[in-house]
Amino acid sequence: MSQVNLRKGESVDKALKKLKRKLLREGTIDEMRKRKYYEKPTSKKYKKNKKAKYIQQLKAQEEKDYWS
């Protein structure tokens, strides 16, 4: 469980900002968003393959631009 300790005289807004940053670094928010709804294994595999194709396409385009 993530915690943020307030110092004397520190505002609550600043503490919330620290907490959000900490949760983002730990990946807690991303994990929560993934688990919010059930996703079938085939959908996960489809998204993973689609992302891999996109990244490969970007790398190929970058390499093409480099050698041109």
PDB file of N, CA and C in Angstrom:
ATOM      1  N   MET A   1       0.837  -1.180   0.000  1.00  0.00           N
ATOM      2  CA  MET A   1       0.000   0.000   0.000  1.00  0.00           C
ATOM      3  C   MET A   1       0.880   1.240   0.000  1.00  0.00           C
ATOM      4  N   SER A   2       0.566   2.162  -0.856  1.00  0.00           N
ATOM      5  CA  SER A   2       1.354   3.379  -0.978  1.00  0.00           C
ATOM      6  C   SER A   2       0.929   4.396   0.063  1.00  0.00           C
ATOM      7  N   GLN A   3       1.913   5.083   0.592  1.00  0.00           N
ATOM      8  CA  GLN A   3       1.638   6.117   1.584  1.00  0.00           C
ATOM      9  C   GLN A   3       2.437   7.365   1.259  1.00  0.00           C
ATOM     10  N   VAL A   4       1.870   8.489   1.627  1.00  0.00           N
ATOM     11  CA  VAL A   4       2.566   9.766   1.533  1.00  0.00           C
ATOM     12  C   VAL A   4       2.398  10.453   2.873  1.00  0.00           C
ATOM     13  N   ASN A   5       3.502  10.790   3.489  1.00  0.00           N
ATOM     14  CA  ASN A   5       3.448  11.468   4.778  1.00  0.00           C
ATOM     15  C   ASN A   5       3.463  12.975   4.568  1.00  0.00           C
ATOM     16  N   LEU A   6       2.552  13.642   5.282  1.00  0.00           N
ATOM     17  CA  LEU A   6       2.494  15.099   5.219  1.00  0.00           C
ATOM     18  C   LEU A   6       3.474  15.706   6.208  1.00  0.00           C
ATOM     19  N   ARG A   7       4.153  16.713   5.756  1.00  0.00           N
ATOM     20  CA  ARG A   7       5.011  17.465   6.673  1.00  0.00           C
ATOM     21  C   ARG A   7       4.179  18.556   7.313  1.00  0.00           C
ATOM     22  N   LYS A   8       4.705  19.101   8.339  1.00  0.00           N
ATOM     23  CA  LYS A   8       3.987  20.165   9.037  1.00  0.00           C
ATOM     24  C   LYS A   8       3.862  21.377   8.107  1.00  0.00           C
ATOM     25  N   GLY A   9       2.625  21.838   7.919  1.00  0.00           N
ATOM     26  CA  GLY A   9       2.377  23.007   7.090  1.00  0.00           C
ATOM     27  C   GLY A   9       2.239  22.691   5.604  1.00  0.00           C
ATOM     28  N   GLU A  10       2.341  21.416   5.214  1.00  0.00           N
ATOM     29  CA  GLU A  10       2.220  21.048   3.800  1.00  0.00           C
ATOM     30  C   GLU A  10       0.742  20.914   3.433  1.00  0.00           C
ATOM     31  N   SER A  11       0.391  21.395   2.252  1.00  0.00           N
ATOM     32  CA  SER A  11      -1.012  21.372   1.853  1.00  0.00           C
ATOM     33  C   SER A  11      -1.426  19.972   1.390  1.00  0.00           C
ATOM     34  N   VAL A  12      -2.711  19.728   1.463  1.00  0.00           N
ATOM     35  CA  VAL A  12      -3.265  18.444   1.071  1.00  0.00           C
ATOM     36  C   VAL A  12      -3.153  18.263  -0.447  1.00  0.00           C
ATOM     37  N   ASP A  13      -3.294  19.359  -1.189  1.00  0.00           N
ATOM     38  CA  ASP A  13      -3.182  19.288  -2.648  1.00  0.00           C
ATOM     39  C   ASP A  13      -1.810  18.781  -3.072  1.00  0.00           C
ATOM     40  N   LYS A  14      -0.781  19.260  -2.410  1.00  0.00           N
ATOM     41  CA  LYS A  14       0.578  18.842  -2.722  1.00  0.00           C
ATOM     42  C   LYS A  14       0.766  17.351  -2.402  1.00  0.00           C
ATOM     43  N   ALA A  15       0.170  16.913  -1.306  1.00  0.00           N
ATOM     44  CA  ALA A  15       0.259  15.505  -0.915  1.00  0.00           C
ATOM     45  C   ALA A  15      -0.464  14.619  -1.929  1.00  0.00           C
ATOM     46  N   LEU A  16      -1.613  15.064  -2.416  1.00  0.00           N
ATOM     47  CA  LEU A  16      -2.344  14.305  -3.434  1.00  0.00           C
ATOM     48  C   LEU A  16      -1.527  14.194  -4.721  1.00  0.00           C
ATOM     49  N   LYS A  17      -0.868  15.275  -5.079  1.00  0.00           N
ATOM     50  CA  LYS A  17      -0.026  15.274  -6.273  1.00  0.00           C
ATOM     51  C   LYS A  17       1.124  14.263  -6.120  1.00  0.00           C
ATOM     52  N   LYS A  18       1.727  14.230  -4.929  1.00  0.00           N
ATOM     53  CA  LYS A  18       2.802  13.271  -4.651  1.00  0.00           C
ATOM     54  C   LYS A  18       2.289  11.838  -4.736  1.00  0.00           C
ATOM     55  N   LEU A  19       1.092  11.610  -4.181  1.00  0.00           N
ATOM     56  CA  LEU A  19       0.499  10.275  -4.182  1.00  0.00           C
ATOM     57  C   LEU A  19       0.221   9.808  -5.607  1.00  0.00           C
ATOM     58  N   LYS A  20      -0.342  10.681  -6.431  1.00  0.00           N
ATOM     59  CA  LYS A  20      -0.633  10.327  -7.814  1.00  0.00           C
ATOM     60  C   LYS A  20       0.644   9.973  -8.566  1.00  0.00           C
ATOM     61  N   ARG A  21       1.690  10.758  -8.358  1.00  0.00           N
ATOM     62  CA  ARG A  21       2.969  10.509  -9.013  1.00  0.00           C
ATOM     63  C   ARG A  21       3.540   9.155  -8.589  1.00  0.00           C
ATOM     64  N   LYS A  22       3.432   8.872  -7.304  1.00  0.00           N
ATOM     65  CA  LYS A  22       3.940   7.613  -6.755  1.00  0.00           C
ATOM     66  C   LYS A  22       3.180   6.423  -7.334  1.00  0.00           C
ATOM     67  N   LEU A  23       1.859   6.543  -7.420  1.00  0.00           N
ATOM     68  CA  LEU A  23       1.040   5.473  -7.973  1.00  0.00           C
ATOM     69  C   LEU A  23       1.342   5.244  -9.449  1.00  0.00           C
ATOM     70  N   LEU A  24       1.592   6.314 -10.190  1.00  0.00           N
ATOM     71  CA  LEU A  24       1.945   6.170 -11.594  1.00  0.00           C
ATOM     72  C   LEU A  24       3.277   5.439 -11.754  1.00  0.00           C
ATOM     73  N   ARG A  25       4.256   5.791 -10.937  1.00  0.00           N
ATOM     74  CA  ARG A  25       5.573   5.152 -11.005  1.00  0.00           C
ATOM     75  C   ARG A  25       5.491   3.665 -10.677  1.00  0.00           C
ATOM     76  N   GLU A  26       4.660   3.323  -9.709  1.00  0.00           N
ATOM     77  CA  GLU A  26       4.516   1.930  -9.292  1.00  0.00           C
ATOM     78  C   GLU A  26       3.674   1.121 -10.276  1.00  0.00           C
ATOM     79  N   GLY A  27       2.890   1.801 -11.112  1.00  0.00           N
ATOM     80  CA  GLY A  27       2.047   1.105 -12.076  1.00  0.00           C
ATOM     81  C   GLY A  27       0.719   0.658 -11.492  1.00  0.00           C
ATOM     82  N   THR A  28       0.389   1.156 -10.332  1.00  0.00           N
ATOM     83  CA  THR A  28      -0.854   0.759  -9.661  1.00  0.00           C
ATOM     84  C   THR A  28      -2.080   1.218 -10.444  1.00  0.00           C
ATOM     85  N   ILE A  29      -2.036   2.420 -10.973  1.00  0.00           N
ATOM     86  CA  ILE A  29      -3.183   2.964 -11.702  1.00  0.00           C
ATOM     87  C   ILE A  29      -3.415   2.183 -12.992  1.00  0.00           C
ATOM     88  N   ASP A  30      -2.330   1.856 -13.713  1.00  0.00           N
ATOM     89  CA  ASP A  30      -2.472   1.078 -14.941  1.00  0.00           C
ATOM     90  C   ASP A  30      -3.062  -0.293 -14.651  1.00  0.00           C
ATOM     91  N   GLU A  31      -2.591  -0.921 -13.584  1.00  0.00           N
ATOM     92  CA  GLU A  31      -3.097  -2.242 -13.202  1.00  0.00           C
ATOM     93  C   GLU A  31      -4.579  -2.172 -12.848  1.00  0.00           C
ATOM     94  N   MET A  32      -4.980  -1.120 -12.157  1.00  0.00           N
ATOM     95  CA  MET A  32      -6.380  -0.946 -11.778  1.00  0.00           C
ATOM     96  C   MET A  32      -7.249  -0.792 -13.030  1.00  0.00           C
ATOM     97  N   ARG A  33      -6.773  -0.017 -13.993  1.00  0.00           N
ATOM     98  CA  ARG A  33      -7.538   0.182 -15.222  1.00  0.00           C
ATOM     99  C   ARG A  33      -7.663  -1.121 -16.006  1.00  0.00           C
ATOM    100  N   LYS A  34      -6.608  -1.933 -16.004  1.00  0.00           N
ATOM    101  CA  LYS A  34      -6.667  -3.214 -16.709  1.00  0.00           C
ATOM    102  C   LYS A  34      -7.675  -4.153 -16.065  1.00  0.00           C
ATOM    103  N   ARG A  35      -7.735  -4.142 -14.751  1.00  0.00           N
ATOM    104  CA  ARG A  35      -8.600  -5.068 -14.020  1.00  0.00           C
ATOM    105  C   ARG A  35     -10.038  -4.573 -13.856  1.00  0.00           C
ATOM    106  N   LYS A  36     -10.321  -3.359 -14.275  1.00  0.00           N
ATOM    107  CA  LYS A  36     -11.657  -2.805 -14.099  1.00  0.00           C
ATOM    108  C   LYS A  36     -12.703  -3.655 -14.822  1.00  0.00           C
ATOM    109  N   TYR A  37     -12.369  -4.092 -16.035  1.00  0.00           N
ATOM    110  CA  TYR A  37     -13.268  -4.935 -16.822  1.00  0.00           C
ATOM    111  C   TYR A  37     -12.520  -6.185 -17.237  1.00  0.00           C
ATOM    112  N   TYR A  38     -13.223  -7.274 -17.320  1.00  0.00           N
ATOM    113  CA  TYR A  38     -12.616  -8.528 -17.743  1.00  0.00           C
ATOM    114  C   TYR A  38     -12.328  -8.464 -19.241  1.00  0.00           C
ATOM    115  N   GLU A  39     -11.142  -8.902 -19.600  1.00  0.00           N
ATOM    116  CA  GLU A  39     -10.771  -8.952 -21.007  1.00  0.00           C
ATOM    117  C   GLU A  39     -10.406 -10.398 -21.342  1.00  0.00           C
ATOM    118  N   LYS A  40     -11.043 -10.925 -22.381  1.00  0.00           N
ATOM    119  CA  LYS A  40     -10.795 -12.309 -22.760  1.00  0.00           C
ATOM    120  C   LYS A  40      -9.346 -12.483 -23.193  1.00  0.00           C
ATOM    121  N   PRO A  41      -8.777 -13.658 -22.955  1.00  0.00           N
ATOM    122  CA  PRO A  41      -7.396 -13.920 -23.356  1.00  0.00           C
ATOM    123  C   PRO A  41      -7.147 -13.711 -24.850  1.00  0.00           C
ATOM    124  N   THR A  42      -8.140 -14.030 -25.674  1.00  0.00           N
ATOM    125  CA  THR A  42      -7.958 -13.831 -27.113  1.00  0.00           C
ATOM    126  C   THR A  42      -7.876 -12.349 -27.454  1.00  0.00           C
ATOM    127  N   SER A  43      -8.625 -11.521 -26.721  1.00  0.00           N
ATOM    128  CA  SER A  43      -8.560 -10.074 -26.941  1.00  0.00           C
ATOM    129  C   SER A  43      -7.199  -9.530 -26.532  1.00  0.00           C
ATOM    130  N   LYS A  44      -6.661 -10.043 -25.429  1.00  0.00           N
ATOM    131  CA  LYS A  44      -5.339  -9.621 -24.975  1.00  0.00           C
ATOM    132  C   LYS A  44      -4.289  -9.966 -26.028  1.00  0.00           C
ATOM    133  N   LYS A  45      -4.385 -11.191 -26.553  1.00  0.00           N
ATOM    134  CA  LYS A  45      -3.434 -11.650 -27.560  1.00  0.00           C
ATOM    135  C   LYS A  45      -3.541 -10.788 -28.821  1.00  0.00           C
ATOM    136  N   TYR A  46      -4.770 -10.472 -29.224  1.00  0.00           N
ATOM    137  CA  TYR A  46      -4.997  -9.639 -30.403  1.00  0.00           C
ATOM    138  C   TYR A  46      -4.364  -8.264 -30.230  1.00  0.00           C
ATOM    139  N   LYS A  47      -4.592  -7.647 -29.075  1.00  0.00           N
ATOM    140  CA  LYS A  47      -4.023  -6.324 -28.809  1.00  0.00           C
ATOM    141  C   LYS A  47      -2.496  -6.362 -28.787  1.00  0.00           C
ATOM    142  N   LYS A  48      -1.958  -7.423 -28.179  1.00  0.00           N
ATOM    143  CA  LYS A  48      -0.504  -7.578 -28.095  1.00  0.00           C
ATOM    144  C   LYS A  48       0.104  -7.691 -29.493  1.00  0.00           C
ATOM    145  N   ASN A  49      -0.515  -8.513 -30.359  1.00  0.00           N
ATOM    146  CA  ASN A  49      -0.025  -8.669 -31.726  1.00  0.00           C
ATOM    147  C   ASN A  49      -0.151  -7.382 -32.530  1.00  0.00           C
ATOM    148  N   LYS A  50      -1.242  -6.685 -32.330  1.00  0.00           N
ATOM    149  CA  LYS A  50      -1.472  -5.431 -33.045  1.00  0.00           C
ATOM    150  C   LYS A  50      -0.421  -4.385 -32.653  1.00  0.00           C
ATOM    151  N   LYS A  51      -0.116  -4.329 -31.369  1.00  0.00           N
ATOM    152  CA  LYS A  51       0.891  -3.396 -30.877  1.00  0.00           C
ATOM    153  C   LYS A  51       2.275  -3.755 -31.429  1.00  0.00           C
ATOM    154  N   ALA A  52       2.575  -5.053 -31.469  1.00  0.00           N
ATOM    155  CA  ALA A  52       3.868  -5.508 -31.982  1.00  0.00           C
ATOM    156  C   ALA A  52       4.013  -5.151 -33.463  1.00  0.00           C
ATOM    157  N   LYS A  53       2.949  -5.327 -34.237  1.00  0.00           N
ATOM    158  CA  LYS A  53       2.984  -4.970 -35.660  1.00  0.00           C
ATOM    159  C   LYS A  53       3.209  -3.477 -35.842  1.00  0.00           C
ATOM    160  N   TYR A  54       2.541  -2.681 -35.029  1.00  0.00           N
ATOM    161  CA  TYR A  54       2.676  -1.226 -35.112  1.00  0.00           C
ATOM    162  C   TYR A  54       4.105  -0.791 -34.803  1.00  0.00           C
ATOM    163  N   ILE A  55       4.679  -1.348 -33.760  1.00  0.00           N
ATOM    164  CA  ILE A  55       6.055  -1.010 -33.379  1.00  0.00           C
ATOM    165  C   ILE A  55       7.028  -1.429 -34.473  1.00  0.00           C
ATOM    166  N   GLN A  56       6.807  -2.617 -35.043  1.00  0.00           N
ATOM    167  CA  GLN A  56       7.656  -3.101 -36.124  1.00  0.00           C
ATOM    168  C   GLN A  56       7.561  -2.176 -37.333  1.00  0.00           C
ATOM    169  N   GLN A  57       6.367  -1.705 -37.619  1.00  0.00           N
ATOM    170  CA  GLN A  57       6.142  -0.789 -38.730  1.00  0.00           C
ATOM    171  C   GLN A  57       6.885   0.521 -38.501  1.00  0.00           C
ATOM    172  N   LEU A  58       6.838   1.034 -37.281  1.00  0.00           N
ATOM    173  CA  LEU A  58       7.542   2.271 -36.960  1.00  0.00           C
ATOM    174  C   LEU A  58       9.050   2.101 -37.116  1.00  0.00           C
ATOM    175  N   LYS A  59       9.575   0.969 -36.642  1.00  0.00           N
ATOM    176  CA  LYS A  59      11.007   0.704 -36.761  1.00  0.00           C
ATOM    177  C   LYS A  59      11.430   0.599 -38.223  1.00  0.00           C
ATOM    178  N   ALA A  60      10.613  -0.056 -39.038  1.00  0.00           N
ATOM    179  CA  ALA A  60      10.923  -0.194 -40.457  1.00  0.00           C
ATOM    180  C   ALA A  60      10.928   1.166 -41.140  1.00  0.00           C
ATOM    181  N   GLN A  61       9.958   2.001 -40.804  1.00  0.00           N
ATOM    182  CA  GLN A  61       9.878   3.344 -41.389  1.00  0.00           C
ATOM    183  C   GLN A  61      11.084   4.173 -40.964  1.00  0.00           C
ATOM    184  N   GLU A  62      11.470   4.063 -39.713  1.00  0.00           N
ATOM    185  CA  GLU A  62      12.623   4.808 -39.199  1.00  0.00           C
ATOM    186  C   GLU A  62      13.899   4.355 -39.897  1.00  0.00           C
ATOM    187  N   GLU A  63      14.041   3.063 -40.093  1.00  0.00           N
ATOM    188  CA  GLU A  63      15.222   2.527 -40.769  1.00  0.00           C
ATOM    189  C   GLU A  63      15.251   2.968 -42.231  1.00  0.00           C
ATOM    190  N   LYS A  64      14.086   2.983 -42.865  1.00  0.00           N
ATOM    191  CA  LYS A  64      13.985   3.419 -44.258  1.00  0.00           C
ATOM    192  C   LYS A  64      14.398   4.888 -44.392  1.00  0.00           C
ATOM    193  N   ASP A  65      13.922   5.714 -43.451  1.00  0.00           N
ATOM    194  CA  ASP A  65      14.263   7.142 -43.474  1.00  0.00           C
ATOM    195  C   ASP A  65      15.747   7.346 -43.210  1.00  0.00           C
ATOM    196  N   TYR A  66      16.329   6.503 -42.391  1.00  0.00           N
ATOM    197  CA  TYR A  66      17.750   6.623 -42.052  1.00  0.00           C
ATOM    198  C   TYR A  66      18.618   6.362 -43.267  1.00  0.00           C
ATOM    199  N   TRP A  67      18.281   5.345 -44.034  1.00  0.00           N
ATOM    200  CA  TRP A  67      19.109   4.967 -45.174  1.00  0.00           C
ATOM    201  C   TRP A  67      18.782   5.760 -46.423  1.00  0.00           C
ATOM    202  N   SER A  68      17.713   6.494 -46.434  1.00  0.00           N
ATOM    203  CA  SER A  68      17.342   7.291 -47.619  1.00  0.00           C
ATOM    204  C   SER A  68      18.074   8.598 -47.681  1.00  0.00           C
TER     205      SER A  68
END
